[in-house]
Amino acid sequence: MTQQTPTVWLTLQAHDAHKLIDYYVDTFGFVVTARHGDDGEIVRHAELRWPEGVGGIMVGSHKPGTDWCREPGTAGAYVVTAHPDGLYDRVVSRNADVVRPLADTDYGAREFVVRDPEGNLWSFGDYTGEQPD
């Protein structure tokens, strides 16, 4: 399979970007592909890819007073995984804050929701969305 370049990125700011990046790698399985401006305290820009597809996230330290400032912990994302049961076992084994346990939905998906250390909500499941007409 040829890896495509992501065309939509979720961008997050964090009070502790180092900790959040480590959490995404260890708990969810994201892969760090870039980290810029990392001076030990601040991460100016990091990119993490989802290994099962073409999606990615960008993470940086919270920078009040800048034109691209958003409050950490207010985002929500849905990530498609072909293996929701295995991923759920992984996040539970790493003591993730489970908001909604793994379950089948009325629209035919199998998914769960967790809250990351900054407060963002992450839903993981096998729902790939409706196909356009």
N, C-alpha and C. Protein backbone atom coordinates (compact mmCIF):
# COMPACT_ATOMS: atom_id res chain seq x y z
N MET A 1 0.84 -1.19 0.00
CA MET A 1 0.00 0.00 0.00
C MET A 1 0.88 1.25 0.00
N THR A 2 0.61 2.18 -0.88
CA THR A 2 1.35 3.42 -0.95
C THR A 2 0.78 4.39 0.07
N GLN A 3 1.65 4.94 0.90
CA GLN A 3 1.20 5.89 1.92
C GLN A 3 0.92 7.23 1.26
N GLN A 4 -0.27 7.76 1.48
CA GLN A 4 -0.63 9.05 0.92
C GLN A 4 -0.33 10.15 1.94
N THR A 5 -0.19 11.35 1.44
CA THR A 5 0.05 12.50 2.29
C THR A 5 -1.27 12.95 2.90
N PRO A 6 -1.32 13.18 4.23
CA PRO A 6 -2.56 13.68 4.83
C PRO A 6 -2.95 15.02 4.23
N THR A 7 -4.23 15.23 4.06
CA THR A 7 -4.72 16.50 3.57
C THR A 7 -5.57 17.22 4.60
N VAL A 8 -5.86 16.57 5.71
CA VAL A 8 -6.55 17.19 6.83
C VAL A 8 -5.75 16.86 8.09
N TRP A 9 -5.43 17.89 8.86
CA TRP A 9 -4.68 17.71 10.10
C TRP A 9 -5.48 18.28 11.27
N LEU A 10 -5.59 17.52 12.32
CA LEU A 10 -6.12 18.03 13.58
C LEU A 10 -4.96 18.73 14.27
N THR A 11 -5.15 19.97 14.71
CA THR A 11 -4.08 20.69 15.39
C THR A 11 -4.45 20.91 16.84
N LEU A 12 -3.53 20.60 17.71
CA LEU A 12 -3.76 20.69 19.15
C LEU A 12 -2.65 21.49 19.82
N GLN A 13 -3.01 22.23 20.84
CA GLN A 13 -2.03 22.86 21.70
C GLN A 13 -2.16 22.22 23.07
N ALA A 14 -1.05 22.17 23.78
CA ALA A 14 -1.04 21.49 25.07
C ALA A 14 -0.26 22.30 26.10
N HIS A 15 -0.69 22.19 27.35
CA HIS A 15 0.06 22.80 28.44
C HIS A 15 1.40 22.07 28.60
N ASP A 16 1.40 20.75 28.36
CA ASP A 16 2.63 19.96 28.41
C ASP A 16 2.70 19.12 27.13
N ALA A 17 3.20 19.73 26.07
CA ALA A 17 3.24 19.07 24.76
C ALA A 17 4.11 17.83 24.78
N HIS A 18 5.22 17.86 25.49
CA HIS A 18 6.09 16.67 25.57
C HIS A 18 5.32 15.48 26.11
N LYS A 19 4.63 15.70 27.21
CA LYS A 19 3.86 14.62 27.86
C LYS A 19 2.75 14.13 26.94
N LEU A 20 2.06 15.06 26.28
CA LEU A 20 0.95 14.68 25.42
C LEU A 20 1.43 13.87 24.21
N ILE A 21 2.53 14.29 23.61
CA ILE A 21 3.09 13.54 22.48
C ILE A 21 3.46 12.13 22.91
N ASP A 22 4.14 12.01 24.04
CA ASP A 22 4.50 10.68 24.56
C ASP A 22 3.26 9.83 24.80
N TYR A 23 2.21 10.44 25.33
CA TYR A 23 0.96 9.73 25.57
C TYR A 23 0.36 9.20 24.27
N TYR A 24 0.32 10.05 23.23
CA TYR A 24 -0.25 9.64 21.95
C TYR A 24 0.54 8.49 21.32
N VAL A 25 1.84 8.51 21.48
CA VAL A 25 2.67 7.44 20.94
C VAL A 25 2.48 6.16 21.74
N ASP A 26 2.62 6.25 23.05
CA ASP A 26 2.57 5.06 23.91
C ASP A 26 1.16 4.48 24.03
N THR A 27 0.16 5.33 24.22
CA THR A 27 -1.18 4.85 24.49
C THR A 27 -1.97 4.54 23.23
N PHE A 28 -1.93 5.43 22.25
CA PHE A 28 -2.73 5.25 21.04
C PHE A 28 -1.97 4.58 19.90
N GLY A 29 -0.66 4.76 19.84
CA GLY A 29 0.13 4.18 18.77
C GLY A 29 0.48 5.13 17.63
N PHE A 30 0.26 6.44 17.82
CA PHE A 30 0.69 7.40 16.80
C PHE A 30 2.21 7.32 16.64
N VAL A 31 2.71 7.78 15.50
CA VAL A 31 4.13 7.76 15.20
C VAL A 31 4.59 9.20 14.97
N VAL A 32 5.62 9.62 15.69
CA VAL A 32 6.16 10.97 15.51
C VAL A 32 6.96 11.01 14.22
N THR A 33 6.60 11.93 13.33
CA THR A 33 7.33 12.08 12.06
C THR A 33 8.11 13.39 11.99
N ALA A 34 7.81 14.33 12.86
CA ALA A 34 8.54 15.60 12.89
C ALA A 34 8.39 16.23 14.27
N ARG A 35 9.44 16.91 14.68
CA ARG A 35 9.39 17.68 15.93
C ARG A 35 10.33 18.86 15.73
N HIS A 36 9.77 20.09 15.75
CA HIS A 36 10.54 21.30 15.47
C HIS A 36 10.46 22.25 16.66
N GLY A 37 11.55 22.98 16.84
CA GLY A 37 11.55 24.01 17.88
C GLY A 37 11.42 23.44 19.27
N ASP A 38 11.93 22.24 19.48
CA ASP A 38 11.86 21.58 20.78
C ASP A 38 13.06 22.05 21.61
N ASP A 39 12.82 22.99 22.51
CA ASP A 39 13.93 23.52 23.30
C ASP A 39 13.99 22.92 24.70
N GLY A 40 13.31 21.82 24.92
CA GLY A 40 13.29 21.19 26.23
C GLY A 40 12.06 21.54 27.03
N GLU A 41 11.51 22.73 26.82
CA GLU A 41 10.29 23.12 27.51
C GLU A 41 9.13 23.29 26.54
N ILE A 42 9.40 23.89 25.41
CA ILE A 42 8.35 24.21 24.44
C ILE A 42 8.53 23.37 23.17
N VAL A 43 7.42 22.87 22.65
CA VAL A 43 7.42 22.23 21.34
C VAL A 43 6.69 23.20 20.42
N ARG A 44 7.38 23.74 19.45
CA ARG A 44 6.75 24.70 18.54
C ARG A 44 5.85 23.98 17.53
N HIS A 45 6.27 22.79 17.09
CA HIS A 45 5.48 22.06 16.10
C HIS A 45 5.94 20.61 16.06
N ALA A 46 5.00 19.71 16.22
CA ALA A 46 5.29 18.28 16.08
C ALA A 46 4.21 17.66 15.20
N GLU A 47 4.59 16.66 14.43
CA GLU A 47 3.64 15.94 13.58
C GLU A 47 3.65 14.48 13.97
N LEU A 48 2.45 13.93 14.10
CA LEU A 48 2.28 12.52 14.42
C LEU A 48 1.33 11.92 13.40
N ARG A 49 1.68 10.77 12.87
CA ARG A 49 0.84 10.10 11.87
C ARG A 49 0.14 8.91 12.50
N TRP A 50 -1.05 8.65 11.98
CA TRP A 50 -1.81 7.47 12.38
C TRP A 50 -1.33 6.32 11.51
N PRO A 51 -0.80 5.25 12.09
CA PRO A 51 -0.18 4.20 11.28
C PRO A 51 -1.14 3.38 10.42
N GLU A 52 -2.44 3.47 10.67
CA GLU A 52 -3.40 2.69 9.90
C GLU A 52 -3.98 3.43 8.71
N GLY A 53 -3.57 4.65 8.48
CA GLY A 53 -4.18 5.40 7.40
C GLY A 53 -3.37 6.61 7.02
N VAL A 54 -4.04 7.63 6.52
CA VAL A 54 -3.35 8.81 6.03
C VAL A 54 -3.57 10.03 6.92
N GLY A 55 -4.13 9.86 8.08
CA GLY A 55 -4.39 10.99 8.95
C GLY A 55 -3.21 11.35 9.81
N GLY A 56 -3.25 12.56 10.31
CA GLY A 56 -2.20 13.01 11.20
C GLY A 56 -2.68 14.10 12.12
N ILE A 57 -1.88 14.34 13.16
CA ILE A 57 -2.16 15.44 14.08
C ILE A 57 -0.91 16.28 14.20
N MET A 58 -1.11 17.55 14.50
CA MET A 58 -0.02 18.47 14.79
C MET A 58 -0.20 18.92 16.22
N VAL A 59 0.89 18.92 16.97
CA VAL A 59 0.85 19.28 18.38
C VAL A 59 1.91 20.32 18.65
N GLY A 60 1.55 21.31 19.45
CA GLY A 60 2.51 22.32 19.88
C GLY A 60 2.16 22.80 21.27
N SER A 61 3.10 23.50 21.87
CA SER A 61 2.86 24.06 23.19
C SER A 61 1.86 25.21 23.11
N HIS A 62 1.05 25.34 24.14
CA HIS A 62 0.06 26.41 24.23
C HIS A 62 0.78 27.76 24.25
N LYS A 63 0.35 28.69 23.36
CA LYS A 63 1.02 29.97 23.22
C LYS A 63 -0.01 31.11 23.27
N PRO A 64 -0.46 31.47 24.46
CA PRO A 64 -1.43 32.57 24.55
C PRO A 64 -0.88 33.85 23.90
N GLY A 65 -1.80 34.57 23.28
CA GLY A 65 -1.42 35.83 22.64
C GLY A 65 -1.00 35.71 21.20
N THR A 66 -0.96 34.49 20.67
CA THR A 66 -0.62 34.31 19.27
C THR A 66 -1.90 34.17 18.45
N ASP A 67 -1.77 34.31 17.15
CA ASP A 67 -2.95 34.29 16.29
C ASP A 67 -3.51 32.88 16.07
N TRP A 68 -2.83 31.86 16.49
CA TRP A 68 -3.31 30.48 16.30
C TRP A 68 -3.43 29.80 17.66
N CYS A 69 -3.89 30.53 18.65
CA CYS A 69 -3.98 30.02 20.01
C CYS A 69 -5.37 29.44 20.27
N ARG A 70 -5.39 28.22 20.77
CA ARG A 70 -6.63 27.59 21.19
C ARG A 70 -6.43 26.99 22.57
N GLU A 71 -7.48 26.97 23.34
CA GLU A 71 -7.38 26.43 24.69
C GLU A 71 -7.15 24.93 24.64
N PRO A 72 -6.11 24.43 25.29
CA PRO A 72 -5.88 22.99 25.34
C PRO A 72 -7.05 22.26 25.99
N GLY A 73 -7.26 21.03 25.55
CA GLY A 73 -8.26 20.18 26.17
C GLY A 73 -9.68 20.37 25.67
N THR A 74 -9.88 21.09 24.57
CA THR A 74 -11.24 21.36 24.09
C THR A 74 -11.54 20.68 22.76
N ALA A 75 -10.66 19.83 22.27
CA ALA A 75 -10.85 19.19 20.97
C ALA A 75 -11.48 17.81 21.10
N GLY A 76 -12.00 17.35 19.99
CA GLY A 76 -12.51 15.99 19.89
C GLY A 76 -12.15 15.45 18.53
N ALA A 77 -11.83 14.16 18.46
CA ALA A 77 -11.43 13.56 17.20
C ALA A 77 -11.97 12.14 17.10
N TYR A 78 -12.23 11.71 15.87
CA TYR A 78 -12.59 10.31 15.60
C TYR A 78 -11.48 9.73 14.74
N VAL A 79 -10.96 8.58 15.17
CA VAL A 79 -9.87 7.93 14.45
C VAL A 79 -10.33 6.54 14.04
N VAL A 80 -10.21 6.25 12.76
CA VAL A 80 -10.61 4.95 12.24
C VAL A 80 -9.51 3.93 12.50
N THR A 81 -9.91 2.79 13.05
CA THR A 81 -9.00 1.68 13.25
C THR A 81 -9.68 0.39 12.80
N ALA A 82 -8.92 -0.45 12.16
CA ALA A 82 -9.44 -1.76 11.75
C ALA A 82 -9.48 -2.73 12.92
N HIS A 83 -8.89 -2.32 14.04
CA HIS A 83 -8.76 -3.22 15.18
C HIS A 83 -9.22 -2.55 16.48
N PRO A 84 -10.49 -2.17 16.59
CA PRO A 84 -10.94 -1.46 17.79
C PRO A 84 -10.76 -2.29 19.07
N ASP A 85 -10.96 -3.60 19.00
CA ASP A 85 -10.82 -4.42 20.21
C ASP A 85 -9.38 -4.43 20.72
N GLY A 86 -8.44 -4.61 19.81
CA GLY A 86 -7.03 -4.62 20.20
C GLY A 86 -6.56 -3.28 20.72
N LEU A 87 -7.00 -2.20 20.05
CA LEU A 87 -6.62 -0.86 20.50
C LEU A 87 -7.24 -0.56 21.85
N TYR A 88 -8.48 -0.98 22.05
CA TYR A 88 -9.12 -0.77 23.35
C TYR A 88 -8.34 -1.48 24.45
N ASP A 89 -7.94 -2.71 24.20
CA ASP A 89 -7.12 -3.43 25.19
C ASP A 89 -5.84 -2.66 25.49
N ARG A 90 -5.23 -2.09 24.46
CA ARG A 90 -3.99 -1.33 24.63
C ARG A 90 -4.21 -0.11 25.52
N VAL A 91 -5.24 0.70 25.21
CA VAL A 91 -5.45 1.92 25.98
C VAL A 91 -5.85 1.62 27.42
N VAL A 92 -6.63 0.57 27.62
CA VAL A 92 -7.02 0.19 28.98
C VAL A 92 -5.79 -0.28 29.76
N SER A 93 -4.90 -1.03 29.12
CA SER A 93 -3.70 -1.51 29.80
C SER A 93 -2.76 -0.37 30.18
N ARG A 94 -2.93 0.79 29.55
CA ARG A 94 -2.12 1.96 29.86
C ARG A 94 -2.88 2.96 30.72
N ASN A 95 -3.97 2.49 31.33
CA ASN A 95 -4.77 3.29 32.27
C ASN A 95 -5.36 4.56 31.68
N ALA A 96 -5.77 4.50 30.43
CA ALA A 96 -6.42 5.65 29.80
C ALA A 96 -7.74 5.95 30.51
N ASP A 97 -8.14 7.20 30.45
CA ASP A 97 -9.41 7.64 31.03
C ASP A 97 -10.53 7.29 30.05
N VAL A 98 -11.16 6.15 30.24
CA VAL A 98 -12.22 5.68 29.34
C VAL A 98 -13.51 6.43 29.66
N VAL A 99 -14.02 7.12 28.66
CA VAL A 99 -15.27 7.88 28.79
C VAL A 99 -16.46 7.00 28.40
N ARG A 100 -16.27 6.24 27.33
CA ARG A 100 -17.30 5.29 26.88
C ARG A 100 -16.59 3.99 26.49
N PRO A 101 -16.91 2.90 27.15
CA PRO A 101 -16.25 1.63 26.84
C PRO A 101 -16.55 1.13 25.43
N LEU A 102 -15.75 0.21 24.99
CA LEU A 102 -15.91 -0.41 23.68
C LEU A 102 -17.30 -1.03 23.56
N ALA A 103 -17.99 -0.70 22.47
CA ALA A 103 -19.35 -1.21 22.25
C ALA A 103 -19.72 -1.09 20.79
N ASP A 104 -20.72 -1.84 20.40
CA ASP A 104 -21.28 -1.73 19.05
C ASP A 104 -22.30 -0.61 19.05
N THR A 105 -22.33 0.16 17.95
CA THR A 105 -23.27 1.27 17.85
C THR A 105 -24.47 0.87 17.00
N ASP A 106 -25.50 1.69 17.02
CA ASP A 106 -26.69 1.42 16.20
C ASP A 106 -26.45 1.70 14.72
N TYR A 107 -25.33 2.33 14.37
CA TYR A 107 -25.00 2.56 12.95
C TYR A 107 -23.94 1.59 12.44
N GLY A 108 -23.73 0.50 13.19
CA GLY A 108 -22.89 -0.58 12.71
C GLY A 108 -21.41 -0.50 12.99
N ALA A 109 -21.01 0.41 13.86
CA ALA A 109 -19.60 0.55 14.18
C ALA A 109 -19.29 -0.11 15.52
N ARG A 110 -18.03 -0.33 15.75
CA ARG A 110 -17.53 -0.80 17.04
C ARG A 110 -16.51 0.24 17.48
N GLU A 111 -16.76 0.90 18.63
CA GLU A 111 -15.93 2.03 19.00
C GLU A 111 -15.94 2.30 20.50
N PHE A 112 -15.02 3.18 20.91
CA PHE A 112 -14.91 3.60 22.30
C PHE A 112 -14.39 5.04 22.34
N VAL A 113 -14.49 5.67 23.51
CA VAL A 113 -14.05 7.05 23.68
C VAL A 113 -13.16 7.14 24.92
N VAL A 114 -12.05 7.87 24.78
CA VAL A 114 -11.16 8.15 25.91
C VAL A 114 -10.86 9.64 25.96
N ARG A 115 -10.43 10.08 27.15
CA ARG A 115 -10.02 11.48 27.34
C ARG A 115 -8.50 11.47 27.55
N ASP A 116 -7.78 12.33 26.82
CA ASP A 116 -6.33 12.38 26.98
C ASP A 116 -5.97 13.23 28.20
N PRO A 117 -4.69 13.29 28.59
CA PRO A 117 -4.31 14.03 29.80
C PRO A 117 -4.62 15.52 29.77
N GLU A 118 -4.79 16.10 28.60
CA GLU A 118 -5.13 17.52 28.49
C GLU A 118 -6.64 17.75 28.50
N GLY A 119 -7.44 16.68 28.34
CA GLY A 119 -8.89 16.79 28.34
C GLY A 119 -9.56 16.61 27.01
N ASN A 120 -8.79 16.44 25.92
CA ASN A 120 -9.38 16.21 24.59
C ASN A 120 -10.05 14.85 24.55
N LEU A 121 -11.13 14.75 23.80
CA LEU A 121 -11.83 13.48 23.64
C LEU A 121 -11.41 12.80 22.34
N TRP A 122 -11.16 11.50 22.42
CA TRP A 122 -10.73 10.69 21.28
C TRP A 122 -11.66 9.50 21.17
N SER A 123 -12.31 9.39 20.03
CA SER A 123 -13.14 8.22 19.73
C SER A 123 -12.40 7.40 18.70
N PHE A 124 -12.28 6.10 18.95
CA PHE A 124 -11.63 5.18 18.03
C PHE A 124 -12.63 4.11 17.65
N GLY A 125 -12.73 3.82 16.36
CA GLY A 125 -13.66 2.79 15.93
C GLY A 125 -13.45 2.42 14.48
N ASP A 126 -14.26 1.48 14.05
CA ASP A 126 -14.10 0.99 12.68
C ASP A 126 -15.07 1.63 11.68
N TYR A 127 -15.74 2.70 12.09
CA TYR A 127 -16.66 3.41 11.19
C TYR A 127 -15.86 4.29 10.24
N THR A 128 -15.96 4.04 8.95
CA THR A 128 -15.18 4.79 7.95
C THR A 128 -15.98 5.92 7.30
N GLY A 129 -17.21 6.13 7.73
CA GLY A 129 -18.02 7.20 7.17
C GLY A 129 -18.85 6.74 5.99
N GLU A 130 -19.85 7.52 5.70
CA GLU A 130 -20.71 7.24 4.56
C GLU A 130 -19.99 7.64 3.28
N GLN A 131 -20.22 6.90 2.23
CA GLN A 131 -19.62 7.22 0.94
C GLN A 131 -20.48 8.26 0.21
N PRO A 132 -19.84 9.25 -0.44
CA PRO A 132 -20.61 10.27 -1.16
C PRO A 132 -21.35 9.65 -2.35
N ASP A 133 -22.44 10.27 -2.72
CA ASP A 133 -23.22 9.81 -3.87
C ASP A 133 -22.48 10.02 -5.17
